[in-house]
Each structure stands twice: as C-alpha cells, then as structure tokens.
Amino acid sequence: MKDRLKLMAILAHPDDETLGCGGTFVKYAREGVETYLITATRGEKGRYGKAKESPGMEVVGKTREQELVAAAKVLAIREVYFLDYIDGELDQAEPAGILRKIAAHIRRIQPQVVITFDPAGAYGHPDHIAISQFTAASIVCAADLNYLTDTDQSAHRVSKLYYMAWAEAKWKRYQAALKELSSLVDGIRRIARPWPDWEITTRIDARPYWKTVWEAVLCHQTQMAIYHKLAELSPEDHEAIWGPQEFYRVFSTVNGGRKIEKDLFEGLK
C-alpha cells in the first residue's frame, strides 16, 4: 500500500511499553514500520528503587519519564508522548478531555494499528482498565467526521485494534520471575489470569530481539526492586518471556477469521 505503515501503543505507565510489547516495537521498527507510544502517566506514585520512602511524586515522575525515554530509544520507538495524567488517578480523568487528547494524536499520526491493554487491565489495575476504555472510545471519536479536537486535523480511521495478551506458558514464567501480579481495588483482590490459547488471535515472533528488550527493561531502574529476579534467568527463559508476543484482535477492517495471525499488519500489506 502507498501509506507508510504505522504502529501506535496507548498505555498507562512507564515500563508498560517494554514489559507489554517491547519485542513488538523492536521487530516492527527493524522492518521499517513507524512506531509511536502514548503514555498516560509518568508513574509518579510508583517505586523508587529500593528506597524505603518516596522522594516525592515530582522526583519519581521525572525519573520515570527519563527511564521511559531511554527505553524507547533502545526499542527504536520513533516518538513518545505523555498525556500528563497522574498515576493511580487515570480512571478519574475527565472523559471528554482525555478523549480529545488521544483522538488528536491518532488523527495527527494516522496509525493503521493500535495496541492497548485488555478490558481487565492485565491484572485488574484501574489505570490499565481506564486506558483500554479511553483508547477504544478515542478510536471511534478520531474516525468521526463531526468530532472536534483542539487541533484542526481531518478524521482518521484506525484499521486494527489489539489487546495485549499473555498465554499461560509465558505467564507462569513471568509470575515466577516477579511475583503474583494483583491489584487491591475497593477492598477486593484482583488477580491476574492468563489468556486461554483459543482466545489469542495473533502471535508475533520477536525471539531474535529478546536481548534488546532486556536492555530496555534495565532502563527502568526505579522498578528493578521487583525486576531483579529477572537478571537471574537463563537465556532460554529470557527468550521465552520477551520473544513470543500474543495479542487479541479486537477489530479489523481488513481481515478476519480463525486463522492465527503472524503479523499485526496482516491484511494491510
């Protein structure tokens, strides 16, 4: 096709891009696809290495922003944009405002393929769930000829939307290396679940790039307090975690069916 191929991920926090779809970014960048990242927050309320007390949201946010920029460079992400929302408060964002921001980026960049979190937010994280919902709504808004953003840009219709998915085999390795991923929300423990193999529509082979993804993981030094066990893994385990990339195809205007995709741009090339 005449248009340049473009991939956009719309995620919640610094490190989501590396842990969630780092291999996908590297693979497609190496193939000449333009890759973009929209991140909703700077992870201001997250960890700060092994420090027992946080140095404050401003310091944590600036540090994690720098870490994300460094990781994005390793992953060959073309451009990174922050939506400037506060970590842990994304589900309280004023909907009209965040939709305008995301829709404006979609119209400006004009990606054919968009990636985000699944409706359960991987392990029930409210920010992950919120960005999944806002992403889907923004795609609808960006394609609406009558929808107005703060910038004067023409409507753009995304061709394919994907949720990041994790097959059971990879999820077990991931959990063993880190910890049980869960969220405590409104007094209820939300526990991560792997995706059944039959739900996965798309499998990307990024095994040749696992070392690059691991290099990007190491950029997120503030988070290494929980990632340190990853350094003890064998090369085989690293390849198994960072190499296979699984997705659920939410919609596609260019293809369909039960056949497992091996390319997010299937139907577009």
C-alpha atoms as a PDB file:
ATOM      1  CA  MET A   1       0.000   0.000   0.000  1.00  0.00           C
ATOM      2  CA  LYS A   2       1.106   3.604  -0.575  1.00  0.00           C
ATOM      3  CA  ASP A   3       0.716   4.793   3.016  1.00  0.00           C
ATOM      4  CA  ARG A   4       3.588   4.222   5.405  1.00  0.00           C
ATOM      5  CA  LEU A   5       2.854   1.540   7.974  1.00  0.00           C
ATOM      6  CA  LYS A   6       2.440   2.940  11.484  1.00  0.00           C
ATOM      7  CA  LEU A   7       2.003   1.238  14.844  1.00  0.00           C
ATOM      8  CA  MET A   8       0.817   3.059  17.958  1.00  0.00           C
ATOM      9  CA  ALA A   9       0.633   1.746  21.524  1.00  0.00           C
ATOM     10  CA  ILE A  10      -1.536   3.633  24.016  1.00  0.00           C
ATOM     11  CA  LEU A  11      -0.615   2.602  27.574  1.00  0.00           C
ATOM     12  CA  ALA A  12      -0.769   3.792  31.163  1.00  0.00           C
ATOM     13  CA  HIS A  13       2.703   3.889  32.770  1.00  0.00           C
ATOM     14  CA  PRO A  14       6.427   3.933  32.011  1.00  0.00           C
ATOM     15  CA  ASP A  15       7.592   0.299  31.613  1.00  0.00           C
ATOM     16  CA  ASP A  16       4.223  -0.880  30.203  1.00  0.00           C
ATOM     17  CA  GLU A  17       5.732  -0.466  26.755  1.00  0.00           C
ATOM     18  CA  THR A  18       8.728  -2.703  27.481  1.00  0.00           C
ATOM     19  CA  LEU A  19       7.103  -5.408  29.589  1.00  0.00           C
ATOM     20  CA  GLY A  20       3.941  -5.493  27.488  1.00  0.00           C
ATOM     21  CA  CYS A  21       5.077  -5.240  23.885  1.00  0.00           C
ATOM     22  CA  GLY A  22       8.782  -4.431  23.768  1.00  0.00           C
ATOM     23  CA  GLY A  23       9.570  -7.190  21.299  1.00  0.00           C
ATOM     24  CA  THR A  24       6.795  -5.992  19.012  1.00  0.00           C
ATOM     25  CA  PHE A  25       8.201  -2.473  18.945  1.00  0.00           C
ATOM     26  CA  VAL A  26      11.690  -3.709  18.067  1.00  0.00           C
ATOM     27  CA  LYS A  27      10.506  -6.162  15.411  1.00  0.00           C
ATOM     28  CA  TYR A  28       8.427  -3.662  13.509  1.00  0.00           C
ATOM     29  CA  ALA A  29      10.917  -0.825  13.806  1.00  0.00           C
ATOM     30  CA  ARG A  30      13.555  -3.124  12.285  1.00  0.00           C
ATOM     31  CA  GLU A  31      11.108  -3.854   9.445  1.00  0.00           C
ATOM     32  CA  GLY A  32      10.669  -0.186   8.663  1.00  0.00           C
ATOM     33  CA  VAL A  33       7.343   0.404  10.412  1.00  0.00           C
ATOM     34  CA  GLU A  34       6.982   3.761  12.177  1.00  0.00           C
ATOM     35  CA  THR A  35       6.310   3.133  15.872  1.00  0.00           C
ATOM     36  CA  TYR A  36       4.729   5.534  18.363  1.00  0.00           C
ATOM     37  CA  LEU A  37       3.928   5.450  22.074  1.00  0.00           C
ATOM     38  CA  ILE A  38       1.295   7.374  24.010  1.00  0.00           C
ATOM     39  CA  THR A  39       1.726   7.070  27.788  1.00  0.00           C
ATOM     40  CA  ALA A  40      -0.983   8.426  30.068  1.00  0.00           C
ATOM     41  CA  THR A  41       1.039   8.989  33.274  1.00  0.00           C
ATOM     42  CA  ARG A  42       4.612   9.244  34.491  1.00  0.00           C
ATOM     43  CA  GLY A  43       4.191   6.601  37.181  1.00  0.00           C
ATOM     44  CA  GLU A  44       4.582   9.229  39.896  1.00  0.00           C
ATOM     45  CA  LYS A  45       3.242   7.019  42.667  1.00  0.00           C
ATOM     46  CA  GLY A  46       5.366   4.009  41.773  1.00  0.00           C
ATOM     47  CA  ARG A  47       8.522   2.579  43.313  1.00  0.00           C
ATOM     48  CA  TYR A  48      11.790   4.454  43.504  1.00  0.00           C
ATOM     49  CA  GLY A  49      14.296   1.657  43.517  1.00  0.00           C
ATOM     50  CA  LYS A  50      14.925   0.217  46.966  1.00  0.00           C
ATOM     51  CA  ALA A  51      14.207   3.488  48.756  1.00  0.00           C
ATOM     52  CA  LYS A  52      12.005   2.942  51.794  1.00  0.00           C
ATOM     53  CA  GLU A  53      10.441   6.365  51.365  1.00  0.00           C
ATOM     54  CA  SER A  54       9.466   8.058  48.127  1.00  0.00           C
ATOM     55  CA  PRO A  55      11.392  11.251  47.310  1.00  0.00           C
ATOM     56  CA  GLY A  56       8.073  12.696  46.143  1.00  0.00           C
ATOM     57  CA  MET A  57       5.872  12.473  43.087  1.00  0.00           C
ATOM     58  CA  GLU A  58       7.771  15.137  41.148  1.00  0.00           C
ATOM     59  CA  VAL A  59      11.131  13.387  41.503  1.00  0.00           C
ATOM     60  CA  VAL A  60       9.675   9.935  40.808  1.00  0.00           C
ATOM     61  CA  GLY A  61       7.742  11.221  37.797  1.00  0.00           C
ATOM     62  CA  LYS A  62      10.736  12.977  36.231  1.00  0.00           C
ATOM     63  CA  THR A  63      12.960   9.965  36.834  1.00  0.00           C
ATOM     64  CA  ARG A  64      10.492   7.509  35.346  1.00  0.00           C
ATOM     65  CA  GLU A  65       9.959   9.798  32.373  1.00  0.00           C
ATOM     66  CA  GLN A  66      13.700   9.742  31.711  1.00  0.00           C
ATOM     67  CA  GLU A  67      13.744   5.961  32.071  1.00  0.00           C
ATOM     68  CA  LEU A  68      10.923   5.624  29.554  1.00  0.00           C
ATOM     69  CA  VAL A  69      12.665   7.886  27.072  1.00  0.00           C
ATOM     70  CA  ALA A  70      15.827   5.774  27.409  1.00  0.00           C
ATOM     71  CA  ALA A  71      13.886   2.519  26.985  1.00  0.00           C
ATOM     72  CA  ALA A  72      12.042   3.909  23.974  1.00  0.00           C
ATOM     73  CA  LYS A  73      15.365   4.731  22.333  1.00  0.00           C
ATOM     74  CA  VAL A  74      16.521   1.135  22.853  1.00  0.00           C
ATOM     75  CA  LEU A  75      13.246  -0.174  21.414  1.00  0.00           C
ATOM     76  CA  ALA A  76      13.592   2.211  18.439  1.00  0.00           C
ATOM     77  CA  ILE A  77      10.256   3.883  19.161  1.00  0.00           C
ATOM     78  CA  ARG A  78      10.007   6.869  16.855  1.00  0.00           C
ATOM     79  CA  GLU A  79       8.168   9.252  19.194  1.00  0.00           C
ATOM     80  CA  VAL A  80       6.875   9.212  22.783  1.00  0.00           C
ATOM     81  CA  TYR A  81       4.044  11.398  24.069  1.00  0.00           C
ATOM     82  CA  PHE A  82       2.774  11.876  27.621  1.00  0.00           C
ATOM     83  CA  LEU A  83      -0.869  12.698  28.282  1.00  0.00           C
ATOM     84  CA  ASP A  84       0.075  14.269  31.640  1.00  0.00           C
ATOM     85  CA  TYR A  85      -2.347  12.437  33.916  1.00  0.00           C
ATOM     86  CA  ILE A  86      -1.499  11.358  37.464  1.00  0.00           C
ATOM     87  CA  ASP A  87      -0.528   7.794  38.248  1.00  0.00           C
ATOM     88  CA  GLY A  88      -3.312   5.949  40.041  1.00  0.00           C
ATOM     89  CA  GLU A  89      -5.939   8.511  39.085  1.00  0.00           C
ATOM     90  CA  LEU A  90      -6.462   7.755  35.415  1.00  0.00           C
ATOM     91  CA  ASP A  91      -9.915   6.273  35.919  1.00  0.00           C
ATOM     92  CA  GLN A  92     -10.939   9.617  37.415  1.00  0.00           C
ATOM     93  CA  ALA A  93      -9.848  11.613  34.351  1.00  0.00           C
ATOM     94  CA  GLU A  94     -12.493  13.800  32.754  1.00  0.00           C
ATOM     95  CA  PRO A  95     -13.536  11.668  29.757  1.00  0.00           C
ATOM     96  CA  ALA A  96     -14.067  14.410  27.185  1.00  0.00           C
ATOM     97  CA  GLY A  97     -10.619  15.858  27.823  1.00  0.00           C
ATOM     98  CA  ILE A  98      -8.594  12.660  27.562  1.00  0.00           C
ATOM     99  CA  LEU A  99     -10.589  11.513  24.528  1.00  0.00           C
ATOM    100  CA  ARG A 100      -9.759  14.757  22.729  1.00  0.00           C
ATOM    101  CA  LYS A 101      -6.069  14.325  23.531  1.00  0.00           C
ATOM    102  CA  ILE A 102      -5.841  10.733  22.320  1.00  0.00           C
ATOM    103  CA  ALA A 103      -8.036  11.315  19.271  1.00  0.00           C
ATOM    104  CA  ALA A 104      -5.839  14.275  18.275  1.00  0.00           C
ATOM    105  CA  HIS A 105      -2.729  12.066  18.412  1.00  0.00           C
ATOM    106  CA  ILE A 106      -4.480   9.380  16.354  1.00  0.00           C
ATOM    107  CA  ARG A 107      -5.500  11.916  13.717  1.00  0.00           C
ATOM    108  CA  ARG A 108      -2.050  13.508  13.589  1.00  0.00           C
ATOM    109  CA  ILE A 109      -0.047  10.280  13.392  1.00  0.00           C
ATOM    110  CA  GLN A 110      -2.642   8.219  11.480  1.00  0.00           C
ATOM    111  CA  PRO A 111      -1.655   4.721  12.621  1.00  0.00           C
ATOM    112  CA  GLN A 112      -3.196   1.706  10.947  1.00  0.00           C
ATOM    113  CA  VAL A 113      -2.649  -0.467  14.026  1.00  0.00           C
ATOM    114  CA  VAL A 114      -3.221   0.431  17.692  1.00  0.00           C
ATOM    115  CA  ILE A 115      -2.267  -1.653  20.759  1.00  0.00           C
ATOM    116  CA  THR A 116      -3.560  -1.208  24.302  1.00  0.00           C
ATOM    117  CA  PHE A 117      -4.412  -3.169  27.456  1.00  0.00           C
ATOM    118  CA  ASP A 118      -7.242  -5.664  27.582  1.00  0.00           C
ATOM    119  CA  PRO A 119     -10.514  -4.771  29.400  1.00  0.00           C
ATOM    120  CA  ALA A 120      -9.263  -6.431  32.608  1.00  0.00           C
ATOM    121  CA  GLY A 121      -6.110  -4.340  32.609  1.00  0.00           C
ATOM    122  CA  ALA A 122      -3.853  -7.440  32.665  1.00  0.00           C
ATOM    123  CA  TYR A 123      -4.304  -7.865  36.429  1.00  0.00           C
ATOM    124  CA  GLY A 124      -7.139  -5.524  37.297  1.00  0.00           C
ATOM    125  CA  HIS A 125      -5.088  -2.321  37.540  1.00  0.00           C
ATOM    126  CA  PRO A 126      -7.571   0.581  37.338  1.00  0.00           C
ATOM    127  CA  ASP A 127      -5.203   2.705  35.223  1.00  0.00           C
ATOM    128  CA  HIS A 128      -4.776  -0.146  32.738  1.00  0.00           C
ATOM    129  CA  ILE A 129      -8.525  -0.652  32.517  1.00  0.00           C
ATOM    130  CA  ALA A 130      -9.093   3.073  32.074  1.00  0.00           C
ATOM    131  CA  ILE A 131      -6.590   3.459  29.236  1.00  0.00           C
ATOM    132  CA  SER A 132      -8.112   0.430  27.487  1.00  0.00           C
ATOM    133  CA  GLN A 133     -11.547   2.051  27.584  1.00  0.00           C
ATOM    134  CA  PHE A 134     -10.299   5.510  26.651  1.00  0.00           C
ATOM    135  CA  THR A 135      -8.310   4.092  23.734  1.00  0.00           C
ATOM    136  CA  ALA A 136     -11.308   2.305  22.250  1.00  0.00           C
ATOM    137  CA  ALA A 137     -13.508   5.380  22.620  1.00  0.00           C
ATOM    138  CA  SER A 138     -10.828   7.640  21.116  1.00  0.00           C
ATOM    139  CA  ILE A 139     -10.549   5.444  18.046  1.00  0.00           C
ATOM    140  CA  VAL A 140     -14.283   5.892  17.479  1.00  0.00           C
ATOM    141  CA  CYS A 141     -14.011   9.649  18.016  1.00  0.00           C
ATOM    142  CA  ALA A 142     -10.993  10.033  15.705  1.00  0.00           C
ATOM    143  CA  ALA A 143     -12.917   8.411  12.848  1.00  0.00           C
ATOM    144  CA  ASP A 144     -15.982  10.647  13.315  1.00  0.00           C
ATOM    145  CA  LEU A 145     -16.047  13.449  10.745  1.00  0.00           C
ATOM    146  CA  ASN A 146     -18.107  15.585  13.122  1.00  0.00           C
ATOM    147  CA  TYR A 147     -15.867  15.104  16.168  1.00  0.00           C
ATOM    148  CA  LEU A 148     -13.790  18.151  17.101  1.00  0.00           C
ATOM    149  CA  THR A 149     -10.421  18.105  18.842  1.00  0.00           C
ATOM    150  CA  ASP A 150      -8.274  21.025  19.957  1.00  0.00           C
ATOM    151  CA  THR A 151      -6.316  20.817  16.709  1.00  0.00           C
ATOM    152  CA  ASP A 152      -7.588  21.191  13.164  1.00  0.00           C
ATOM    153  CA  GLN A 153      -6.979  17.697  11.764  1.00  0.00           C
ATOM    154  CA  SER A 154      -9.014  15.510   9.474  1.00  0.00           C
ATOM    155  CA  ALA A 155     -10.673  12.305  10.669  1.00  0.00           C
ATOM    156  CA  HIS A 156      -8.660   9.088  10.640  1.00  0.00           C
ATOM    157  CA  ARG A 157      -9.980   5.539  10.773  1.00  0.00           C
ATOM    158  CA  VAL A 158      -7.743   3.011  12.545  1.00  0.00           C
ATOM    159  CA  SER A 159      -7.715  -0.302  10.641  1.00  0.00           C
ATOM    160  CA  LYS A 160      -6.937  -2.681  13.520  1.00  0.00           C
ATOM    161  CA  LEU A 161      -7.099  -2.597  17.321  1.00  0.00           C
ATOM    162  CA  TYR A 162      -5.331  -5.159  19.518  1.00  0.00           C
ATOM    163  CA  TYR A 163      -5.271  -6.008  23.194  1.00  0.00           C
ATOM    164  CA  MET A 164      -2.009  -7.281  24.644  1.00  0.00           C
ATOM    165  CA  ALA A 165      -2.466 -10.878  25.767  1.00  0.00           C
ATOM    166  CA  TRP A 166      -0.337 -13.336  27.724  1.00  0.00           C
ATOM    167  CA  ALA A 167      -0.525 -17.073  27.073  1.00  0.00           C
ATOM    168  CA  GLU A 168      -0.426 -19.368  30.086  1.00  0.00           C
ATOM    169  CA  ALA A 169       3.061 -20.776  29.445  1.00  0.00           C
ATOM    170  CA  LYS A 170       4.651 -17.331  29.290  1.00  0.00           C
ATOM    171  CA  TRP A 171       2.541 -16.003  32.162  1.00  0.00           C
ATOM    172  CA  LYS A 172       3.794 -18.743  34.512  1.00  0.00           C
ATOM    173  CA  ARG A 173       7.410 -17.895  33.719  1.00  0.00           C
ATOM    174  CA  TYR A 174       6.705 -14.213  34.184  1.00  0.00           C
ATOM    175  CA  GLN A 175       4.956 -14.686  37.517  1.00  0.00           C
ATOM    176  CA  ALA A 176       7.689 -16.988  38.800  1.00  0.00           C
ATOM    177  CA  ALA A 177      10.346 -14.423  37.981  1.00  0.00           C
ATOM    178  CA  LEU A 178       8.498 -11.490  39.519  1.00  0.00           C
ATOM    179  CA  LYS A 179       5.637 -12.048  41.935  1.00  0.00           C
ATOM    180  CA  GLU A 180       1.938 -12.723  41.907  1.00  0.00           C
ATOM    181  CA  LEU A 181       0.535  -9.788  39.968  1.00  0.00           C
ATOM    182  CA  SER A 182      -2.596  -8.462  41.588  1.00  0.00           C
ATOM    183  CA  SER A 183      -4.394  -5.272  42.491  1.00  0.00           C
ATOM    184  CA  LEU A 184      -6.348  -4.409  45.633  1.00  0.00           C
ATOM    185  CA  VAL A 185      -9.251  -2.254  44.487  1.00  0.00           C
ATOM    186  CA  ASP A 186     -12.139  -1.212  46.721  1.00  0.00           C
ATOM    187  CA  GLY A 187     -11.133  -3.901  49.204  1.00  0.00           C
ATOM    188  CA  ILE A 188     -11.245  -6.653  46.575  1.00  0.00           C
ATOM    189  CA  ARG A 189      -8.143  -8.537  45.426  1.00  0.00           C
ATOM    190  CA  ARG A 190      -7.922  -8.708  41.651  1.00  0.00           C
ATOM    191  CA  ILE A 191      -5.597 -11.469  40.465  1.00  0.00           C
ATOM    192  CA  ALA A 192      -4.049 -11.784  37.022  1.00  0.00           C
ATOM    193  CA  ARG A 193      -5.191 -14.523  34.694  1.00  0.00           C
ATOM    194  CA  PRO A 194      -3.512 -15.846  31.560  1.00  0.00           C
ATOM    195  CA  TRP A 195      -5.367 -15.895  28.282  1.00  0.00           C
ATOM    196  CA  PRO A 196      -6.637 -19.287  27.059  1.00  0.00           C
ATOM    197  CA  ASP A 197      -4.810 -20.230  23.881  1.00  0.00           C
ATOM    198  CA  TRP A 198      -8.059 -20.284  21.910  1.00  0.00           C
ATOM    199  CA  GLU A 199      -8.663 -16.591  22.688  1.00  0.00           C
ATOM    200  CA  ILE A 200      -5.348 -15.469  21.254  1.00  0.00           C
ATOM    201  CA  THR A 201      -5.765 -14.339  17.653  1.00  0.00           C
ATOM    202  CA  THR A 202      -2.246 -13.153  16.879  1.00  0.00           C
ATOM    203  CA  ARG A 203       1.230 -14.442  17.701  1.00  0.00           C
ATOM    204  CA  ILE A 204       4.292 -12.390  16.834  1.00  0.00           C
ATOM    205  CA  ASP A 205       7.764 -13.929  16.842  1.00  0.00           C
ATOM    206  CA  ALA A 206      10.166 -11.440  18.371  1.00  0.00           C
ATOM    207  CA  ARG A 207      12.645 -14.003  19.696  1.00  0.00           C
ATOM    208  CA  PRO A 208      15.579 -12.562  17.724  1.00  0.00           C
ATOM    209  CA  TYR A 209      15.162  -9.328  19.677  1.00  0.00           C
ATOM    210  CA  TRP A 210      14.856 -10.536  23.277  1.00  0.00           C
ATOM    211  CA  LYS A 211      18.284  -9.158  24.237  1.00  0.00           C
ATOM    212  CA  THR A 212      17.216  -5.711  23.062  1.00  0.00           C
ATOM    213  CA  VAL A 213      14.024  -5.930  25.128  1.00  0.00           C
ATOM    214  CA  TRP A 214      16.018  -6.937  28.198  1.00  0.00           C
ATOM    215  CA  GLU A 215      18.267  -3.919  27.634  1.00  0.00           C
ATOM    216  CA  ALA A 216      15.133  -1.751  27.637  1.00  0.00           C
ATOM    217  CA  VAL A 217      13.895  -3.408  30.849  1.00  0.00           C
ATOM    218  CA  LEU A 218      17.178  -2.407  32.516  1.00  0.00           C
ATOM    219  CA  CYS A 219      16.464   1.238  31.650  1.00  0.00           C
ATOM    220  CA  HIS A 220      13.650   1.186  34.218  1.00  0.00           C
ATOM    221  CA  GLN A 221      15.988   1.187  37.194  1.00  0.00           C
ATOM    222  CA  THR A 222      13.430   2.552  39.660  1.00  0.00           C
ATOM    223  CA  GLN A 223      11.441  -0.634  39.119  1.00  0.00           C
ATOM    224  CA  MET A 224      14.330  -3.071  39.494  1.00  0.00           C
ATOM    225  CA  ALA A 225      13.392  -3.722  43.112  1.00  0.00           C
ATOM    226  CA  ILE A 226      10.776  -6.118  41.732  1.00  0.00           C
ATOM    227  CA  TYR A 227      12.533  -6.930  38.453  1.00  0.00           C
ATOM    228  CA  HIS A 228      15.855  -8.020  39.983  1.00  0.00           C
ATOM    229  CA  LYS A 229      14.963 -11.717  39.807  1.00  0.00           C
ATOM    230  CA  LEU A 230      14.763 -11.390  36.050  1.00  0.00           C
ATOM    231  CA  ALA A 231      18.529 -10.927  35.980  1.00  0.00           C
ATOM    232  CA  GLU A 232      18.906 -14.451  37.348  1.00  0.00           C
ATOM    233  CA  LEU A 233      17.012 -16.080  34.483  1.00  0.00           C
ATOM    234  CA  SER A 234      18.702 -18.242  31.882  1.00  0.00           C
ATOM    235  CA  PRO A 235      18.927 -17.006  28.282  1.00  0.00           C
ATOM    236  CA  GLU A 236      16.280 -19.613  27.408  1.00  0.00           C
ATOM    237  CA  ASP A 237      13.888 -18.160  29.983  1.00  0.00           C
ATOM    238  CA  HIS A 238      14.523 -14.615  28.788  1.00  0.00           C
ATOM    239  CA  GLU A 239      13.806 -15.623  25.215  1.00  0.00           C
ATOM    240  CA  ALA A 240      10.609 -17.363  26.308  1.00  0.00           C
ATOM    241  CA  ILE A 241       9.385 -14.260  28.141  1.00  0.00           C
ATOM    242  CA  TRP A 242      10.396 -11.489  25.748  1.00  0.00           C
ATOM    243  CA  GLY A 243      10.271 -13.339  22.431  1.00  0.00           C
ATOM    244  CA  PRO A 244       6.675 -14.540  21.893  1.00  0.00           C
ATOM    245  CA  GLN A 245       4.197 -11.664  21.692  1.00  0.00           C
ATOM    246  CA  GLU A 246       0.500 -12.534  21.871  1.00  0.00           C
ATOM    247  CA  PHE A 247      -2.494 -10.352  21.095  1.00  0.00           C
ATOM    248  CA  TYR A 248      -6.262 -10.403  20.808  1.00  0.00           C
ATOM    249  CA  ARG A 249      -7.593  -8.746  17.653  1.00  0.00           C
ATOM    250  CA  VAL A 250     -10.470  -6.587  18.877  1.00  0.00           C
ATOM    251  CA  PHE A 251     -11.480  -5.454  15.425  1.00  0.00           C
ATOM    252  CA  SER A 252     -10.111  -5.331  11.922  1.00  0.00           C
ATOM    253  CA  THR A 253     -11.438  -3.608   8.833  1.00  0.00           C
ATOM    254  CA  VAL A 254      -9.105  -5.587   6.577  1.00  0.00           C
ATOM    255  CA  ASN A 255      -9.180  -9.265   7.648  1.00  0.00           C
ATOM    256  CA  GLY A 256     -10.785 -11.804   9.971  1.00  0.00           C
ATOM    257  CA  GLY A 257     -11.331 -15.498  10.604  1.00  0.00           C
ATOM    258  CA  ARG A 258      -9.946 -18.110  12.994  1.00  0.00           C
ATOM    259  CA  LYS A 259      -6.518 -18.476  11.411  1.00  0.00           C
ATOM    260  CA  ILE A 260      -3.805 -17.277  13.799  1.00  0.00           C
ATOM    261  CA  GLU A 261      -2.163 -14.120  12.536  1.00  0.00           C
ATOM    262  CA  LYS A 262       1.617 -13.855  12.486  1.00  0.00           C
ATOM    263  CA  ASP A 263       1.656 -10.178  11.634  1.00  0.00           C
ATOM    264  CA  LEU A 264      -0.243  -7.252  13.164  1.00  0.00           C
ATOM    265  CA  PHE A 265      -0.343  -5.722   9.690  1.00  0.00           C
ATOM    266  CA  GLU A 266      -1.926  -8.759   8.061  1.00  0.00           C
ATOM    267  CA  GLY A 267      -4.450  -7.501   5.529  1.00  0.00           C
ATOM    268  CA  LEU A 268      -2.628  -4.176   5.196  1.00  0.00           C
ATOM    269  CA  LYS A 269       0.481  -5.246   3.306  1.00  0.00           C
END
